[in-house]
Amino acid sequence: TKLIEIVEIGKQLLITRGALTTFSIA
């Protein structure tokens, strides 16, 4: 069942990168 957590961690990585890129540009 760890596979579900792995997907969530992967999405968190992409979201974090996107969020901080947005913050940086603004």
PDB file of all heavy atoms in Angstrom:
ATOM      1  N   THR A   1       0.822  -1.209   0.000  1.00  0.00           N
ATOM      2  CA  THR A   1       0.000   0.000   0.000  1.00  0.00           C
ATOM      3  C   THR A   1       0.856   1.258   0.000  1.00  0.00           C
ATOM      4  O   THR A   1       0.345   2.361  -0.176  1.00  0.00           O
ATOM      5  CB  THR A   1      -0.941   0.024   1.213  1.00  0.00           C
ATOM      6  OG1 THR A   1      -0.160  -0.049   2.418  1.00  0.00           O
ATOM      7  CG2 THR A   1      -1.896  -1.143   1.197  1.00  0.00           C
ATOM      8  N   LYS A   2       2.169   1.105   0.215  1.00  0.00           N
ATOM      9  CA  LYS A   2       3.080   2.258   0.206  1.00  0.00           C
ATOM     10  C   LYS A   2       3.042   2.966  -1.144  1.00  0.00           C
ATOM     11  O   LYS A   2       3.414   4.139  -1.243  1.00  0.00           O
ATOM     12  CB  LYS A   2       4.493   1.775   0.526  1.00  0.00           C
ATOM     13  CG  LYS A   2       5.502   2.861   0.869  1.00  0.00           C
ATOM     14  CD  LYS A   2       5.360   3.356   2.283  1.00  0.00           C
ATOM     15  CE  LYS A   2       5.741   2.335   3.304  1.00  0.00           C
ATOM     16  NZ  LYS A   2       7.129   1.951   3.333  1.00  0.00           N
ATOM     17  N   LEU A   3       2.607   2.262  -2.187  1.00  0.00           N
ATOM     18  CA  LEU A   3       2.561   2.851  -3.522  1.00  0.00           C
ATOM     19  C   LEU A   3       1.696   4.108  -3.530  1.00  0.00           C
ATOM     20  O   LEU A   3       2.004   5.088  -4.212  1.00  0.00           O
ATOM     21  CB  LEU A   3       2.014   1.829  -4.525  1.00  0.00           C
ATOM     22  CG  LEU A   3       1.972   2.236  -5.996  1.00  0.00           C
ATOM     23  CD1 LEU A   3       3.346   2.639  -6.488  1.00  0.00           C
ATOM     24  CD2 LEU A   3       1.432   1.097  -6.845  1.00  0.00           C
ATOM     25  N   ILE A   4       0.636   4.101  -2.750  1.00  0.00           N
ATOM     26  CA  ILE A   4      -0.245   5.271  -2.687  1.00  0.00           C
ATOM     27  C   ILE A   4       0.503   6.451  -2.077  1.00  0.00           C
ATOM     28  O   ILE A   4       0.408   7.589  -2.553  1.00  0.00           O
ATOM     29  CB  ILE A   4      -1.517   4.930  -1.887  1.00  0.00           C
ATOM     30  CG1 ILE A   4      -2.289   3.805  -2.595  1.00  0.00           C
ATOM     31  CG2 ILE A   4      -2.405   6.156  -1.718  1.00  0.00           C
ATOM     32  CD1 ILE A   4      -3.476   3.279  -1.821  1.00  0.00           C
ATOM     33  N   GLU A   5       1.278   6.201  -1.013  1.00  0.00           N
ATOM     34  CA  GLU A   5       2.080   7.267  -0.398  1.00  0.00           C
ATOM     35  C   GLU A   5       3.133   7.789  -1.360  1.00  0.00           C
ATOM     36  O   GLU A   5       3.428   8.984  -1.396  1.00  0.00           O
ATOM     37  CB  GLU A   5       2.761   6.757   0.873  1.00  0.00           C
ATOM     38  CG  GLU A   5       1.835   6.499   2.038  1.00  0.00           C
ATOM     39  CD  GLU A   5       2.613   6.087   3.274  1.00  0.00           C
ATOM     40  OE1 GLU A   5       3.521   6.836   3.672  1.00  0.00           O
ATOM     41  OE2 GLU A   5       2.319   5.018   3.827  1.00  0.00           O
ATOM     42  N   ILE A   6       3.731   6.882  -2.139  1.00  0.00           N
ATOM     43  CA  ILE A   6       4.770   7.284  -3.091  1.00  0.00           C
ATOM     44  C   ILE A   6       4.199   8.258  -4.114  1.00  0.00           C
ATOM     45  O   ILE A   6       4.835   9.266  -4.458  1.00  0.00           O
ATOM     46  CB  ILE A   6       5.364   6.040  -3.778  1.00  0.00           C
ATOM     47  CG1 ILE A   6       6.180   5.221  -2.770  1.00  0.00           C
ATOM     48  CG2 ILE A   6       6.231   6.438  -4.973  1.00  0.00           C
ATOM     49  CD1 ILE A   6       6.597   3.856  -3.277  1.00  0.00           C
ATOM     50  N   VAL A   7       3.000   7.970  -4.601  1.00  0.00           N
ATOM     51  CA  VAL A   7       2.353   8.865  -5.563  1.00  0.00           C
ATOM     52  C   VAL A   7       2.119  10.233  -4.930  1.00  0.00           C
ATOM     53  O   VAL A   7       2.358  11.282  -5.545  1.00  0.00           O
ATOM     54  CB  VAL A   7       1.030   8.251  -6.061  1.00  0.00           C
ATOM     55  CG1 VAL A   7       0.230   9.266  -6.857  1.00  0.00           C
ATOM     56  CG2 VAL A   7       1.303   7.018  -6.915  1.00  0.00           C
ATOM     57  N   GLU A   8       1.676  10.239  -3.672  1.00  0.00           N
ATOM     58  CA  GLU A   8       1.409  11.508  -2.991  1.00  0.00           C
ATOM     59  C   GLU A   8       2.701  12.302  -2.793  1.00  0.00           C
ATOM     60  O   GLU A   8       2.717  13.528  -2.933  1.00  0.00           O
ATOM     61  CB  GLU A   8       0.724  11.244  -1.653  1.00  0.00           C
ATOM     62  CG  GLU A   8      -0.699  10.715  -1.812  1.00  0.00           C
ATOM     63  CD  GLU A   8      -1.346  10.352  -0.481  1.00  0.00           C
ATOM     64  OE1 GLU A   8      -0.608  10.299   0.530  1.00  0.00           O
ATOM     65  OE2 GLU A   8      -2.560  10.125  -0.450  1.00  0.00           O
ATOM     66  N   ILE A   9       3.801  11.616  -2.471  1.00  0.00           N
ATOM     67  CA  ILE A   9       5.088  12.299  -2.293  1.00  0.00           C
ATOM     68  C   ILE A   9       5.569  12.880  -3.622  1.00  0.00           C
ATOM     69  O   ILE A   9       6.096  13.991  -3.679  1.00  0.00           O
ATOM     70  CB  ILE A   9       6.134  11.328  -1.705  1.00  0.00           C
ATOM     71  CG1 ILE A   9       5.786  10.994  -0.256  1.00  0.00           C
ATOM     72  CG2 ILE A   9       7.538  11.926  -1.780  1.00  0.00           C
ATOM     73  CD1 ILE A   9       6.626   9.885   0.336  1.00  0.00           C
ATOM     74  N   GLY A  10       5.387  12.112  -4.713  1.00  0.00           N
ATOM     75  CA  GLY A  10       5.760  12.613  -6.027  1.00  0.00           C
ATOM     76  C   GLY A  10       4.975  13.858  -6.401  1.00  0.00           C
ATOM     77  O   GLY A  10       5.532  14.834  -6.931  1.00  0.00           O
ATOM     78  N   LYS A  11       3.682  13.845  -6.125  1.00  0.00           N
ATOM     79  CA  LYS A  11       2.858  15.014  -6.415  1.00  0.00           C
ATOM     80  C   LYS A  11       3.270  16.195  -5.533  1.00  0.00           C
ATOM     81  O   LYS A  11       3.278  17.345  -5.972  1.00  0.00           O
ATOM     82  CB  LYS A  11       1.377  14.679  -6.230  1.00  0.00           C
ATOM     83  CG  LYS A  11       0.819  13.794  -7.335  1.00  0.00           C
ATOM     84  CD  LYS A  11      -0.678  13.711  -7.289  1.00  0.00           C
ATOM     85  CE  LYS A  11      -1.215  12.948  -8.500  1.00  0.00           C
ATOM     86  NZ  LYS A  11      -0.975  13.655  -9.768  1.00  0.00           N
ATOM     87  N   GLN A  12       3.609  15.898  -4.275  1.00  0.00           N
ATOM     88  CA  GLN A  12       4.043  16.962  -3.376  1.00  0.00           C
ATOM     89  C   GLN A  12       5.318  17.622  -3.893  1.00  0.00           C
ATOM     90  O   GLN A  12       5.481  18.842  -3.812  1.00  0.00           O
ATOM     91  CB  GLN A  12       4.271  16.400  -1.973  1.00  0.00           C
ATOM     92  CG  GLN A  12       4.602  17.463  -0.939  1.00  0.00           C
ATOM     93  CD  GLN A  12       4.917  16.881   0.413  1.00  0.00           C
ATOM     94  OE1 GLN A  12       5.544  15.825   0.524  1.00  0.00           O
ATOM     95  NE2 GLN A  12       4.483  17.556   1.466  1.00  0.00           N
ATOM     96  N   LEU A  13       6.231  16.819  -4.444  1.00  0.00           N
ATOM     97  CA  LEU A  13       7.466  17.365  -5.011  1.00  0.00           C
ATOM     98  C   LEU A  13       7.161  18.333  -6.148  1.00  0.00           C
ATOM     99  O   LEU A  13       7.689  19.454  -6.197  1.00  0.00           O
ATOM    100  CB  LEU A  13       8.358  16.224  -5.516  1.00  0.00           C
ATOM    101  CG  LEU A  13       9.577  16.622  -6.353  1.00  0.00           C
ATOM    102  CD1 LEU A  13      10.567  17.409  -5.514  1.00  0.00           C
ATOM    103  CD2 LEU A  13      10.243  15.401  -6.959  1.00  0.00           C
ATOM    104  N   LEU A  14       6.286  17.922  -7.076  1.00  0.00           N
ATOM    105  CA  LEU A  14       5.954  18.771  -8.215  1.00  0.00           C
ATOM    106  C   LEU A  14       5.223  20.032  -7.768  1.00  0.00           C
ATOM    107  O   LEU A  14       5.470  21.129  -8.281  1.00  0.00           O
ATOM    108  CB  LEU A  14       5.095  17.992  -9.210  1.00  0.00           C
ATOM    109  CG  LEU A  14       5.759  16.760  -9.843  1.00  0.00           C
ATOM    110  CD1 LEU A  14       4.787  16.049 -10.784  1.00  0.00           C
ATOM    111  CD2 LEU A  14       7.025  17.142 -10.594  1.00  0.00           C
ATOM    112  N   ILE A  15       4.320  19.876  -6.790  1.00  0.00           N
ATOM    113  CA  ILE A  15       3.559  21.028  -6.305  1.00  0.00           C
ATOM    114  C   ILE A  15       4.476  22.017  -5.594  1.00  0.00           C
ATOM    115  O   ILE A  15       4.351  23.231  -5.749  1.00  0.00           O
ATOM    116  CB  ILE A  15       2.426  20.553  -5.372  1.00  0.00           C
ATOM    117  CG1 ILE A  15       1.354  19.842  -6.189  1.00  0.00           C
ATOM    118  CG2 ILE A  15       1.805  21.727  -4.620  1.00  0.00           C
ATOM    119  CD1 ILE A  15       0.334  19.124  -5.345  1.00  0.00           C
ATOM    120  N   THR A  16       5.423  21.486  -4.813  1.00  0.00           N
ATOM    121  CA  THR A  16       6.364  22.358  -4.098  1.00  0.00           C
ATOM    122  C   THR A  16       7.193  23.167  -5.084  1.00  0.00           C
ATOM    123  O   THR A  16       7.383  24.376  -4.918  1.00  0.00           O
ATOM    124  CB  THR A  16       7.292  21.522  -3.198  1.00  0.00           C
ATOM    125  OG1 THR A  16       6.503  20.783  -2.264  1.00  0.00           O
ATOM    126  CG2 THR A  16       8.260  22.410  -2.448  1.00  0.00           C
ATOM    127  N   ARG A  17       7.684  22.501  -6.119  1.00  0.00           N
ATOM    128  CA  ARG A  17       8.484  23.193  -7.127  1.00  0.00           C
ATOM    129  C   ARG A  17       7.654  24.266  -7.824  1.00  0.00           C
ATOM    130  O   ARG A  17       8.112  25.400  -8.033  1.00  0.00           O
ATOM    131  CB  ARG A  17       9.019  22.189  -8.136  1.00  0.00           C
ATOM    132  CG  ARG A  17      10.035  22.773  -9.097  1.00  0.00           C
ATOM    133  CD  ARG A  17      10.515  21.713 -10.064  1.00  0.00           C
ATOM    134  NE  ARG A  17      11.280  20.693  -9.385  1.00  0.00           N
ATOM    135  CZ  ARG A  17      11.395  19.441  -9.791  1.00  0.00           C
ATOM    136  NH1 ARG A  17      10.755  19.054 -10.882  1.00  0.00           N
ATOM    137  NH2 ARG A  17      12.119  18.577  -9.123  1.00  0.00           N
ATOM    138  N   GLY A  18       6.410  23.927  -8.173  1.00  0.00           N
ATOM    139  CA  GLY A  18       5.540  24.895  -8.838  1.00  0.00           C
ATOM    140  C   GLY A  18       5.190  26.064  -7.936  1.00  0.00           C
ATOM    141  O   GLY A  18       5.180  27.226  -8.372  1.00  0.00           O
ATOM    142  N   ALA A  19       4.912  25.765  -6.654  1.00  0.00           N
ATOM    143  CA  ALA A  19       4.526  26.816  -5.713  1.00  0.00           C
ATOM    144  C   ALA A  19       5.669  27.803  -5.491  1.00  0.00           C
ATOM    145  O   ALA A  19       5.469  29.028  -5.501  1.00  0.00           O
ATOM    146  CB  ALA A  19       4.101  26.194  -4.386  1.00  0.00           C
ATOM    147  N   LEU A  20       6.880  27.289  -5.300  1.00  0.00           N
ATOM    148  CA  LEU A  20       8.015  28.176  -5.036  1.00  0.00           C
ATOM    149  C   LEU A  20       8.455  28.920  -6.297  1.00  0.00           C
ATOM    150  O   LEU A  20       8.981  30.030  -6.209  1.00  0.00           O
ATOM    151  CB  LEU A  20       9.177  27.382  -4.446  1.00  0.00           C
ATOM    152  CG  LEU A  20       8.946  26.874  -3.013  1.00  0.00           C
ATOM    153  CD1 LEU A  20      10.173  26.152  -2.477  1.00  0.00           C
ATOM    154  CD2 LEU A  20       8.564  28.019  -2.084  1.00  0.00           C
ATOM    155  N   THR A  21       8.223  28.322  -7.476  1.00  0.00           N
ATOM    156  CA  THR A  21       8.496  29.053  -8.720  1.00  0.00           C
ATOM    157  C   THR A  21       7.533  30.228  -8.856  1.00  0.00           C
ATOM    158  O   THR A  21       7.929  31.346  -9.210  1.00  0.00           O
ATOM    159  CB  THR A  21       8.363  28.118  -9.935  1.00  0.00           C
ATOM    160  OG1 THR A  21       9.290  27.038  -9.802  1.00  0.00           O
ATOM    161  CG2 THR A  21       8.651  28.865 -11.230  1.00  0.00           C
ATOM    162  N   THR A  22       6.257  29.982  -8.556  1.00  0.00           N
ATOM    163  CA  THR A  22       5.255  31.054  -8.587  1.00  0.00           C
ATOM    164  C   THR A  22       5.619  32.154  -7.609  1.00  0.00           C
ATOM    165  O   THR A  22       5.563  33.348  -7.925  1.00  0.00           O
ATOM    166  CB  THR A  22       3.864  30.488  -8.242  1.00  0.00           C
ATOM    167  OG1 THR A  22       3.549  29.429  -9.136  1.00  0.00           O
ATOM    168  CG2 THR A  22       2.796  31.562  -8.336  1.00  0.00           C
ATOM    169  N   PHE A  23       6.009  31.741  -6.387  1.00  0.00           N
ATOM    170  CA  PHE A  23       6.382  32.718  -5.356  1.00  0.00           C
ATOM    171  C   PHE A  23       7.595  33.530  -5.809  1.00  0.00           C
ATOM    172  O   PHE A  23       7.645  34.752  -5.637  1.00  0.00           O
ATOM    173  CB  PHE A  23       6.695  31.991  -4.048  1.00  0.00           C
ATOM    174  CG  PHE A  23       7.026  32.910  -2.902  1.00  0.00           C
ATOM    175  CD1 PHE A  23       6.035  33.333  -2.034  1.00  0.00           C
ATOM    176  CD2 PHE A  23       8.320  33.362  -2.702  1.00  0.00           C
ATOM    177  CE1 PHE A  23       6.330  34.192  -0.977  1.00  0.00           C
ATOM    178  CE2 PHE A  23       8.631  34.210  -1.660  1.00  0.00           C
ATOM    179  CZ  PHE A  23       7.628  34.627  -0.789  1.00  0.00           C
ATOM    180  N   SER A  24       8.578  32.850  -6.398  1.00  0.00           N
ATOM    181  CA  SER A  24       9.808  33.519  -6.800  1.00  0.00           C
ATOM    182  C   SER A  24       9.551  34.584  -7.864  1.00  0.00           C
ATOM    183  O   SER A  24      10.077  35.710  -7.778  1.00  0.00           O
ATOM    184  CB  SER A  24      10.812  32.490  -7.330  1.00  0.00           C
ATOM    185  OG  SER A  24      11.993  33.100  -7.770  1.00  0.00           O
ATOM    186  N   ILE A  25       8.738  34.237  -8.855  1.00  0.00           N
ATOM    187  CA  ILE A  25       8.464  35.191  -9.935  1.00  0.00           C
ATOM    188  C   ILE A  25       7.682  36.390  -9.400  1.00  0.00           C
ATOM    189  O   ILE A  25       7.992  37.549  -9.708  1.00  0.00           O
ATOM    190  CB  ILE A  25       7.702  34.490 -11.075  1.00  0.00           C
ATOM    191  CG1 ILE A  25       8.622  33.448 -11.737  1.00  0.00           C
ATOM    192  CG2 ILE A  25       7.204  35.497 -12.098  1.00  0.00           C
ATOM    193  CD1 ILE A  25       7.937  32.566 -12.748  1.00  0.00           C
ATOM    194  N   ALA A  26       6.661  36.116  -8.559  1.00  0.00           N
ATOM    195  CA  ALA A  26       5.881  37.211  -7.971  1.00  0.00           C
ATOM    196  C   ALA A  26       6.741  38.038  -7.021  1.00  0.00           C
ATOM    197  O   ALA A  26       6.580  39.266  -6.906  1.00  0.00           O
ATOM    198  CB  ALA A  26       4.670  36.639  -7.226  1.00  0.00           C
TER     199      ALA A  26
END
